[in-house]
Amino acid sequence: MKAHLPNHPTQLYLIRHGEVEHRYHKVFGGCRIDMSLSPLGHEQAAALVQWMKDSKLDAIYASPMIRVQQTIAPLVAASGLQPIVMEDLREVDFGDWTGLKWDGVLEKFGISAFDWLEVLEGPGIIGGESAGALLARVVPCVRQILHDNPHRSVAIACHGGIIRVILAALLEMRLAQMAHFNIEYGSVTVVKIQPEKKHALEIDLLNLCPLRDGLRP
């Protein structure tokens, strides 16, 4: 990714949508199930915009999925910014795992749900996306955002899987290694990109959950 960065710092707020409806907890929904937020998810969205009230955003990019659109609604209202929807920021396609609970994947396929990133990098999920396919659709989005927003602060609202893809690309690491990073519902991860520095990319915050942590900028 470094060869495609502009020569100006950019700050990215990587926002994961809030908690989803209870019936979809521990279910592989991915991009095929367009679920809504739970009541707690809406509270997380409100806490997020409160936490970001003093952070001047120049643009908001978002997945088209309902759970993301509901999460950013308070932020859009507060900022007055019109979100730029990118279809390729949608969640991972989990193929034949779609609709199965974590224990259901183990029972049906003999695979631990916790190994899903390794599966994507290896044989892949039947009928779903591979790590290569994910990078091929997500990385161009990130490049476009960086190209269009030099020296600006930008929110990218999407999904846990997609945030891990973005981090893997920016850090030039394997997607499977992103299993070390917990990306919770209603969380924000802040990445600062400054190509003029020896270490061009810095993670200022990782998995901050405003509702849980009760923090302010």
C-alpha atoms as a PDB file:
ATOM      1  CA  MET A   1       0.000   0.000   0.000  1.00  0.00           C
ATOM      2  CA  LYS A   2       2.877   2.419   0.706  1.00  0.00           C
ATOM      3  CA  ALA A   3       3.583   3.131  -2.956  1.00  0.00           C
ATOM      4  CA  HIS A   4       0.063   4.450  -3.366  1.00  0.00           C
ATOM      5  CA  LEU A   5      -0.006   6.836  -0.399  1.00  0.00           C
ATOM      6  CA  PRO A   6      -0.064  10.589  -1.064  1.00  0.00           C
ATOM      7  CA  ASN A   7       2.671  12.764   0.364  1.00  0.00           C
ATOM      8  CA  HIS A   8       0.416  14.187   3.066  1.00  0.00           C
ATOM      9  CA  PRO A   9      -0.804  12.758   6.381  1.00  0.00           C
ATOM     10  CA  THR A  10      -4.327  11.423   6.556  1.00  0.00           C
ATOM     11  CA  GLN A  11      -6.271  10.287   9.634  1.00  0.00           C
ATOM     12  CA  LEU A  12      -8.662   7.367   9.276  1.00  0.00           C
ATOM     13  CA  TYR A  13     -11.393   6.564  11.796  1.00  0.00           C
ATOM     14  CA  LEU A  14     -12.247   2.900  11.160  1.00  0.00           C
ATOM     15  CA  ILE A  15     -15.699   2.412  12.662  1.00  0.00           C
ATOM     16  CA  ARG A  16     -17.336  -0.960  13.165  1.00  0.00           C
ATOM     17  CA  HIS A  17     -21.128  -0.945  13.217  1.00  0.00           C
ATOM     18  CA  GLY A  18     -22.977  -1.417  16.496  1.00  0.00           C
ATOM     19  CA  GLU A  19     -24.321  -4.631  17.929  1.00  0.00           C
ATOM     20  CA  VAL A  20     -26.775  -6.441  15.643  1.00  0.00           C
ATOM     21  CA  GLU A  21     -30.152  -7.983  16.417  1.00  0.00           C
ATOM     22  CA  HIS A  22     -29.945 -10.681  19.071  1.00  0.00           C
ATOM     23  CA  ARG A  23     -31.072 -13.454  16.716  1.00  0.00           C
ATOM     24  CA  TYR A  24     -27.884 -12.919  14.694  1.00  0.00           C
ATOM     25  CA  HIS A  25     -25.430 -13.098  17.598  1.00  0.00           C
ATOM     26  CA  LYS A  26     -22.617 -15.563  16.878  1.00  0.00           C
ATOM     27  CA  VAL A  27     -24.050 -16.119  13.403  1.00  0.00           C
ATOM     28  CA  PHE A  28     -22.090 -15.773  10.167  1.00  0.00           C
ATOM     29  CA  GLY A  29     -24.241 -13.176   8.431  1.00  0.00           C
ATOM     30  CA  GLY A  30     -21.651 -11.507   6.244  1.00  0.00           C
ATOM     31  CA  CYS A  31     -22.848  -9.638   3.184  1.00  0.00           C
ATOM     32  CA  ARG A  32     -25.780 -11.964   2.505  1.00  0.00           C
ATOM     33  CA  ILE A  33     -27.863 -11.111   5.597  1.00  0.00           C
ATOM     34  CA  ASP A  34     -28.708  -7.418   5.799  1.00  0.00           C
ATOM     35  CA  MET A  35     -29.529  -7.293   9.509  1.00  0.00           C
ATOM     36  CA  SER A  36     -30.418  -4.288  11.667  1.00  0.00           C
ATOM     37  CA  LEU A  37     -28.953  -3.009  14.927  1.00  0.00           C
ATOM     38  CA  SER A  38     -30.130  -4.119  18.350  1.00  0.00           C
ATOM     39  CA  PRO A  39     -31.227  -1.507  20.937  1.00  0.00           C
ATOM     40  CA  LEU A  40     -27.698  -1.684  22.358  1.00  0.00           C
ATOM     41  CA  GLY A  41     -26.318  -1.137  18.863  1.00  0.00           C
ATOM     42  CA  HIS A  42     -28.258   2.119  18.603  1.00  0.00           C
ATOM     43  CA  GLU A  43     -26.868   3.176  21.999  1.00  0.00           C
ATOM     44  CA  GLN A  44     -23.361   2.441  20.734  1.00  0.00           C
ATOM     45  CA  ALA A  45     -24.017   4.592  17.661  1.00  0.00           C
ATOM     46  CA  ALA A  46     -25.137   7.484  19.874  1.00  0.00           C
ATOM     47  CA  ALA A  47     -22.076   7.105  22.124  1.00  0.00           C
ATOM     48  CA  LEU A  48     -19.824   7.062  19.084  1.00  0.00           C
ATOM     49  CA  VAL A  49     -21.091  10.383  17.756  1.00  0.00           C
ATOM     50  CA  GLN A  50     -20.799  11.882  21.247  1.00  0.00           C
ATOM     51  CA  TRP A  51     -17.185  10.707  21.463  1.00  0.00           C
ATOM     52  CA  MET A  52     -16.414  12.190  18.044  1.00  0.00           C
ATOM     53  CA  LYS A  53     -18.183  15.521  18.595  1.00  0.00           C
ATOM     54  CA  ASP A  54     -14.917  17.474  18.783  1.00  0.00           C
ATOM     55  CA  SER A  55     -13.244  15.574  15.933  1.00  0.00           C
ATOM     56  CA  LYS A  56     -13.557  17.515  12.691  1.00  0.00           C
ATOM     57  CA  LEU A  57     -14.362  15.064   9.908  1.00  0.00           C
ATOM     58  CA  ASP A  58     -13.909  15.973   6.272  1.00  0.00           C
ATOM     59  CA  ALA A  59     -15.647  12.930   4.801  1.00  0.00           C
ATOM     60  CA  ILE A  60     -17.553   9.775   5.732  1.00  0.00           C
ATOM     61  CA  TYR A  61     -17.300   6.591   3.673  1.00  0.00           C
ATOM     62  CA  ALA A  62     -19.563   3.664   4.423  1.00  0.00           C
ATOM     63  CA  SER A  63     -20.673   0.164   3.576  1.00  0.00           C
ATOM     64  CA  PRO A  64     -24.170   0.061   2.064  1.00  0.00           C
ATOM     65  CA  MET A  65     -25.425  -2.493   4.597  1.00  0.00           C
ATOM     66  CA  ILE A  66     -28.273  -1.552   6.953  1.00  0.00           C
ATOM     67  CA  ARG A  67     -26.339  -2.126  10.175  1.00  0.00           C
ATOM     68  CA  VAL A  68     -23.657   0.321   9.048  1.00  0.00           C
ATOM     69  CA  GLN A  69     -26.107   2.913   7.742  1.00  0.00           C
ATOM     70  CA  GLN A  70     -27.978   2.825  11.065  1.00  0.00           C
ATOM     71  CA  THR A  71     -24.710   3.205  12.969  1.00  0.00           C
ATOM     72  CA  ILE A  72     -23.595   6.298  11.089  1.00  0.00           C
ATOM     73  CA  ALA A  73     -27.025   7.992  11.037  1.00  0.00           C
ATOM     74  CA  PRO A  74     -26.343  10.029  14.228  1.00  0.00           C
ATOM     75  CA  LEU A  75     -22.847  10.924  12.965  1.00  0.00           C
ATOM     76  CA  VAL A  76     -24.242  12.058   9.608  1.00  0.00           C
ATOM     77  CA  ALA A  77     -26.888  14.180  11.339  1.00  0.00           C
ATOM     78  CA  ALA A  78     -24.332  15.784  13.667  1.00  0.00           C
ATOM     79  CA  SER A  79     -21.661  16.427  11.039  1.00  0.00           C
ATOM     80  CA  GLY A  80     -23.869  17.453   8.153  1.00  0.00           C
ATOM     81  CA  LEU A  81     -21.711  15.340   5.836  1.00  0.00           C
ATOM     82  CA  GLN A  82     -23.282  13.222   3.127  1.00  0.00           C
ATOM     83  CA  PRO A  83     -21.804   9.708   3.387  1.00  0.00           C
ATOM     84  CA  ILE A  84     -20.115   8.254   0.345  1.00  0.00           C
ATOM     85  CA  VAL A  85     -21.349   4.683   0.022  1.00  0.00           C
ATOM     86  CA  MET A  86     -18.869   2.181  -1.367  1.00  0.00           C
ATOM     87  CA  GLU A  87     -20.373  -1.155  -2.336  1.00  0.00           C
ATOM     88  CA  ASP A  88     -17.029  -2.911  -1.898  1.00  0.00           C
ATOM     89  CA  LEU A  89     -16.914  -1.997   1.813  1.00  0.00           C
ATOM     90  CA  ARG A  90     -19.703  -4.554   2.423  1.00  0.00           C
ATOM     91  CA  GLU A  91     -18.954  -7.416   4.818  1.00  0.00           C
ATOM     92  CA  VAL A  92     -17.243 -10.676   3.857  1.00  0.00           C
ATOM     93  CA  ASP A  93     -19.191 -13.237   1.831  1.00  0.00           C
ATOM     94  CA  PHE A  94     -19.201 -16.310   4.065  1.00  0.00           C
ATOM     95  CA  GLY A  95     -20.635 -18.583   1.392  1.00  0.00           C
ATOM     96  CA  ASP A  96     -21.913 -21.887   2.793  1.00  0.00           C
ATOM     97  CA  TRP A  97     -21.327 -20.679   6.353  1.00  0.00           C
ATOM     98  CA  THR A  98     -23.956 -17.946   5.946  1.00  0.00           C
ATOM     99  CA  GLY A  99     -26.718 -18.208   8.546  1.00  0.00           C
ATOM    100  CA  LEU A 100     -24.856 -20.783  10.650  1.00  0.00           C
ATOM    101  CA  LYS A 101     -23.950 -20.209  14.270  1.00  0.00           C
ATOM    102  CA  TRP A 102     -20.343 -20.693  15.317  1.00  0.00           C
ATOM    103  CA  ASP A 103     -21.001 -24.145  16.753  1.00  0.00           C
ATOM    104  CA  GLY A 104     -22.954 -25.014  13.604  1.00  0.00           C
ATOM    105  CA  VAL A 105     -19.854 -24.412  11.466  1.00  0.00           C
ATOM    106  CA  LEU A 106     -17.905 -26.778  13.700  1.00  0.00           C
ATOM    107  CA  GLU A 107     -20.621 -29.406  13.537  1.00  0.00           C
ATOM    108  CA  LYS A 108     -21.175 -29.201   9.772  1.00  0.00           C
ATOM    109  CA  PHE A 109     -17.651 -28.500   8.481  1.00  0.00           C
ATOM    110  CA  GLY A 110     -15.378 -29.547  11.348  1.00  0.00           C
ATOM    111  CA  ILE A 111     -13.847 -26.062  11.477  1.00  0.00           C
ATOM    112  CA  SER A 112     -13.596 -23.783  14.487  1.00  0.00           C
ATOM    113  CA  ALA A 113     -15.291 -20.462  13.830  1.00  0.00           C
ATOM    114  CA  PHE A 114     -12.321 -18.776  15.509  1.00  0.00           C
ATOM    115  CA  ASP A 115     -10.101 -19.932  12.613  1.00  0.00           C
ATOM    116  CA  TRP A 116     -12.100 -18.130   9.938  1.00  0.00           C
ATOM    117  CA  LEU A 117      -9.301 -15.763   8.921  1.00  0.00           C
ATOM    118  CA  GLU A 118      -6.918 -18.674   8.445  1.00  0.00           C
ATOM    119  CA  VAL A 119      -9.555 -20.490   6.391  1.00  0.00           C
ATOM    120  CA  LEU A 120      -9.908 -17.441   4.134  1.00  0.00           C
ATOM    121  CA  GLU A 121      -6.148 -17.454   3.544  1.00  0.00           C
ATOM    122  CA  GLY A 122      -6.078 -21.194   2.966  1.00  0.00           C
ATOM    123  CA  PRO A 123      -8.680 -23.342   1.230  1.00  0.00           C
ATOM    124  CA  GLY A 124     -11.374 -20.681   1.560  1.00  0.00           C
ATOM    125  CA  ILE A 125     -15.016 -21.094   2.522  1.00  0.00           C
ATOM    126  CA  ILE A 126     -17.090 -23.035   0.035  1.00  0.00           C
ATOM    127  CA  GLY A 127     -19.091 -20.560  -2.024  1.00  0.00           C
ATOM    128  CA  GLY A 128     -17.508 -17.592  -0.239  1.00  0.00           C
ATOM    129  CA  GLU A 129     -14.666 -15.137  -0.654  1.00  0.00           C
ATOM    130  CA  SER A 130     -10.968 -15.861  -0.295  1.00  0.00           C
ATOM    131  CA  ALA A 131      -8.469 -13.501   1.320  1.00  0.00           C
ATOM    132  CA  GLY A 132      -7.219 -12.598  -2.153  1.00  0.00           C
ATOM    133  CA  ALA A 133     -10.696 -11.733  -3.382  1.00  0.00           C
ATOM    134  CA  LEU A 134     -11.327  -9.573  -0.316  1.00  0.00           C
ATOM    135  CA  LEU A 135      -8.106  -7.638  -0.763  1.00  0.00           C
ATOM    136  CA  ALA A 136      -8.858  -7.215  -4.463  1.00  0.00           C
ATOM    137  CA  ARG A 137     -12.124  -5.388  -3.709  1.00  0.00           C
ATOM    138  CA  VAL A 138     -11.250  -3.547  -0.486  1.00  0.00           C
ATOM    139  CA  VAL A 139      -7.758  -2.221  -1.258  1.00  0.00           C
ATOM    140  CA  PRO A 140      -8.935  -0.102  -4.227  1.00  0.00           C
ATOM    141  CA  CYS A 141     -11.467   1.537  -1.895  1.00  0.00           C
ATOM    142  CA  VAL A 142      -8.728   2.433   0.573  1.00  0.00           C
ATOM    143  CA  ARG A 143      -6.473   3.737  -2.184  1.00  0.00           C
ATOM    144  CA  GLN A 144      -9.278   5.913  -3.515  1.00  0.00           C
ATOM    145  CA  ILE A 145     -10.069   7.284  -0.063  1.00  0.00           C
ATOM    146  CA  LEU A 146      -6.416   8.117   0.600  1.00  0.00           C
ATOM    147  CA  HIS A 147      -5.988   9.661  -2.835  1.00  0.00           C
ATOM    148  CA  ASP A 148      -9.044  11.884  -2.405  1.00  0.00           C
ATOM    149  CA  ASN A 149      -8.324  12.956   1.191  1.00  0.00           C
ATOM    150  CA  PRO A 150      -4.716  14.046   1.707  1.00  0.00           C
ATOM    151  CA  HIS A 151      -4.151  15.759   5.053  1.00  0.00           C
ATOM    152  CA  ARG A 152      -7.795  15.186   6.043  1.00  0.00           C
ATOM    153  CA  SER A 153      -9.749  13.270   8.685  1.00  0.00           C
ATOM    154  CA  VAL A 154     -11.999  10.577   7.288  1.00  0.00           C
ATOM    155  CA  ALA A 155     -14.405   8.073   8.827  1.00  0.00           C
ATOM    156  CA  ILE A 156     -14.711   4.651   7.211  1.00  0.00           C
ATOM    157  CA  ALA A 157     -17.748   2.865   8.630  1.00  0.00           C
ATOM    158  CA  CYS A 158     -17.922  -0.811   7.823  1.00  0.00           C
ATOM    159  CA  HIS A 159     -17.562  -4.270   9.384  1.00  0.00           C
ATOM    160  CA  GLY A 160     -15.199  -6.213  11.629  1.00  0.00           C
ATOM    161  CA  GLY A 161     -13.953  -8.356   8.754  1.00  0.00           C
ATOM    162  CA  ILE A 162     -13.392  -5.375   6.476  1.00  0.00           C
ATOM    163  CA  ILE A 163     -11.540  -3.375   9.143  1.00  0.00           C
ATOM    164  CA  ARG A 164      -9.176  -6.332   9.485  1.00  0.00           C
ATOM    165  CA  VAL A 165      -8.667  -6.387   5.709  1.00  0.00           C
ATOM    166  CA  ILE A 166      -7.885  -2.653   5.750  1.00  0.00           C
ATOM    167  CA  LEU A 167      -5.393  -3.048   8.600  1.00  0.00           C
ATOM    168  CA  ALA A 168      -3.734  -6.022   6.907  1.00  0.00           C
ATOM    169  CA  ALA A 169      -3.275  -4.012   3.720  1.00  0.00           C
ATOM    170  CA  LEU A 170      -1.985  -0.884   5.458  1.00  0.00           C
ATOM    171  CA  LEU A 171       0.370  -2.819   7.755  1.00  0.00           C
ATOM    172  CA  GLU A 172       1.451  -5.132   4.912  1.00  0.00           C
ATOM    173  CA  MET A 173       0.675  -8.179   7.036  1.00  0.00           C
ATOM    174  CA  ARG A 174      -1.181 -11.417   6.414  1.00  0.00           C
ATOM    175  CA  LEU A 175      -4.922 -11.276   6.961  1.00  0.00           C
ATOM    176  CA  ALA A 176      -4.730 -14.247   9.346  1.00  0.00           C
ATOM    177  CA  GLN A 177      -2.505 -12.178  11.650  1.00  0.00           C
ATOM    178  CA  MET A 178      -5.348  -9.732  12.157  1.00  0.00           C
ATOM    179  CA  ALA A 179      -6.914 -12.312  14.483  1.00  0.00           C
ATOM    180  CA  HIS A 180      -4.665 -10.718  17.125  1.00  0.00           C
ATOM    181  CA  PHE A 181      -6.743  -7.525  16.876  1.00  0.00           C
ATOM    182  CA  ASN A 182     -10.119  -7.476  18.590  1.00  0.00           C
ATOM    183  CA  ILE A 183     -12.577  -5.288  16.673  1.00  0.00           C
ATOM    184  CA  GLU A 184     -15.771  -5.059  18.732  1.00  0.00           C
ATOM    185  CA  TYR A 185     -19.238  -3.771  17.934  1.00  0.00           C
ATOM    186  CA  GLY A 186     -19.443   0.013  18.091  1.00  0.00           C
ATOM    187  CA  SER A 187     -15.672   0.432  18.155  1.00  0.00           C
ATOM    188  CA  VAL A 188     -13.364   2.919  16.491  1.00  0.00           C
ATOM    189  CA  THR A 189      -9.755   2.335  15.438  1.00  0.00           C
ATOM    190  CA  VAL A 190      -7.738   5.430  14.500  1.00  0.00           C
ATOM    191  CA  VAL A 191      -4.925   5.185  11.958  1.00  0.00           C
ATOM    192  CA  LYS A 192      -2.628   8.083  11.115  1.00  0.00           C
ATOM    193  CA  ILE A 193      -0.714   8.013   7.828  1.00  0.00           C
ATOM    194  CA  GLN A 194       2.317  10.289   7.536  1.00  0.00           C
ATOM    195  CA  PRO A 195       4.531   9.197   4.616  1.00  0.00           C
ATOM    196  CA  GLU A 196       7.223  11.768   5.440  1.00  0.00           C
ATOM    197  CA  LYS A 197       8.021   9.877   8.662  1.00  0.00           C
ATOM    198  CA  LYS A 198      10.164   6.752   8.905  1.00  0.00           C
ATOM    199  CA  HIS A 199       7.151   4.830  10.181  1.00  0.00           C
ATOM    200  CA  ALA A 200       4.541   6.071   7.729  1.00  0.00           C
ATOM    201  CA  LEU A 201       1.622   4.461   9.494  1.00  0.00           C
ATOM    202  CA  GLU A 202       0.716   4.668  13.162  1.00  0.00           C
ATOM    203  CA  ILE A 203      -2.246   3.170  14.993  1.00  0.00           C
ATOM    204  CA  ASP A 204      -3.279   5.859  17.462  1.00  0.00           C
ATOM    205  CA  LEU A 205      -6.234   3.914  18.901  1.00  0.00           C
ATOM    206  CA  LEU A 206      -7.283   0.301  18.535  1.00  0.00           C
ATOM    207  CA  ASN A 207     -10.783  -1.004  19.297  1.00  0.00           C
ATOM    208  CA  LEU A 208     -11.909   1.917  21.437  1.00  0.00           C
ATOM    209  CA  CYS A 209     -15.565   1.423  22.401  1.00  0.00           C
ATOM    210  CA  PRO A 210     -17.000   4.773  23.559  1.00  0.00           C
ATOM    211  CA  LEU A 211     -20.099   3.284  25.213  1.00  0.00           C
ATOM    212  CA  ARG A 212     -18.074   0.672  27.082  1.00  0.00           C
ATOM    213  CA  ASP A 213     -15.070   2.836  27.916  1.00  0.00           C
ATOM    214  CA  GLY A 214     -16.904   6.086  28.655  1.00  0.00           C
ATOM    215  CA  LEU A 215     -14.078   8.080  27.080  1.00  0.00           C
ATOM    216  CA  ARG A 216     -13.980  11.366  25.209  1.00  0.00           C
ATOM    217  CA  PRO A 217     -11.408  12.597  22.656  1.00  0.00           C
END
